[in-house]
Amino acid sequence: MGSASGPPAPDGGGGGRFSLGTFESLKDSGFRWFFLAMLGQMTSMNMQMLVRGYLVFELTGSYAMLGTVQLASATPMLAFSLFGGVLADRARQKKHVVQVGQLLSGLNALAVAVLIIAGTLNVGWLMVAAMIQGTVQALMMPSRQSMIPEIVGMRRLMNAVALNSAGQNSMRLFAPAIGGFLLAVVGPQWVYFVMTGGYLWAVAFLTKVPSTPAPDAAVRTGTAPRPRRDRGGMLDGIRYILHEPTLRAVLGINVLLILMSMPYMFLLPGFVASVLHEGPEKLGLLMSFAGAGSLIGALVIASLPPRRRGLLFLIASLFQGVMLIAFSASTWFWVTAPVMLLMGIGQAGRQSFSNVLVQTYSDDEHRGRVMSVYMMQFGLTAFGTFLVGVLAAIIGVQLALGMTSALMVVIALGAITFSPRLRNLA
């Protein structure tokens, strides 16, 4: 196996010419079933982001507590994500790992619904549920992420990742709006029942995904699959990343960008209530605007040839940072809504290009562990959210978010200017 920092796979798309093969990966029946399963899971996850934040703020009225509950979810993600990576690289059937995780997530949501009906839900129980969910995510998500190249092969990886992102963002468009409506009309327990159903949907559809990897999944050149040779553990995966300068560059800058860009999502329930002075319906609508922007961005990326992805990753990050500054300054809903749409476009670019770059420049024996480190970065966002939440309690949420957004702009501009390795990635 060649170095992961070598050239990416041939794109098979006519010498890199622009092509509107936007939905190419959906021609693969295995990816279609994977995509449908993802819709169920992401419906539940996006509803959870809305309803859990709403319940925490309703129970406590505290930005710091919003950050604390998110920290409770992220701590096990940091603790167990590397185990999830080893599990992904060693599992004979990655989809079975994912299905067990989805089933446990559904049971976790069902338990919260029962607590609400019983009238015994408090912020402590929400923290316990967040910790369970974080543990499940840590062990499941590396397998789910590393399934994509095995299903479609490396040639269609960028298209498949972008379409997967488009599907996720379509749920960001619809699920929060539906969740906000249910929250306002019939109560949070019904949101959690719908979440349970979404996870069961995912389990059912994932059974149809074939177990055999795509013919070009094992090597970037598109040859026949090779048997897995590496059976090392967590330390071997970390050593591999440390010895691959391209992976170090992508993962290093991405963690900084995530720390600056993601806290707003978890503080949004409080921002809508205390700055925009709106209720749960408008909270869901704002999340849908962001989802619409991300959907647009992901579909554009799915249509692009695999060229200059490093530069596009940094430009998308810069654009998201600028939009975050505008978001933090707004106090009017109908100004915030279009800003959220534009911010979603930038976020789709940052997430899709970083995911594709990490998977492209990882070898097959280590991809699960590399993706576990990639997923750990999302766990780190909770620490950022906690710190920004505490800062918001001291100086105000607008100033706190504005400061982190400005720092994101500085980081993206610095990488564009001073990191040619990252800027010039194909």
Foldseek 3Di string as FASTA:
>chain_A
DDFLLDAFFDQPPPVFDFFLCLPVQCVQVLLVLLLQLLLLQLLLVLLCLQLLLLQQCVQPVALLLLLVLLLLLLVLLLVQLQVLLLCLLPPLFLLVLQLVLLLQLLVLLLVVLVCVVVVNDHSVSSSVSSNSNSNSCSNRVLNSLLVQCQRRNRSLSLSSLLVSQLSSLQSLQPSLLVSLVCCVPPRNSVSSNSSSVSSVSSSVSNVPNDSGGDQRSQDSHRHGHDDQDDSDGSVVLVVSCVPRVLSCVLLVLLLLLLLLQPLCSSSVSSCCCPQQVDGSNLSSNLSNLLSQLLSVLSSVSSRGGPFQLLQQLLVLLLQLLVLLLQLLPDRHSVSNSNSSSSNSNSVNSNVSSSSSSQQRSDHDSSSSSSVSSVSSSNSVSSVSNSVLSVVCVPPNNSVSSNVSSVVSNVSSVCCCVPPCSSRRRD
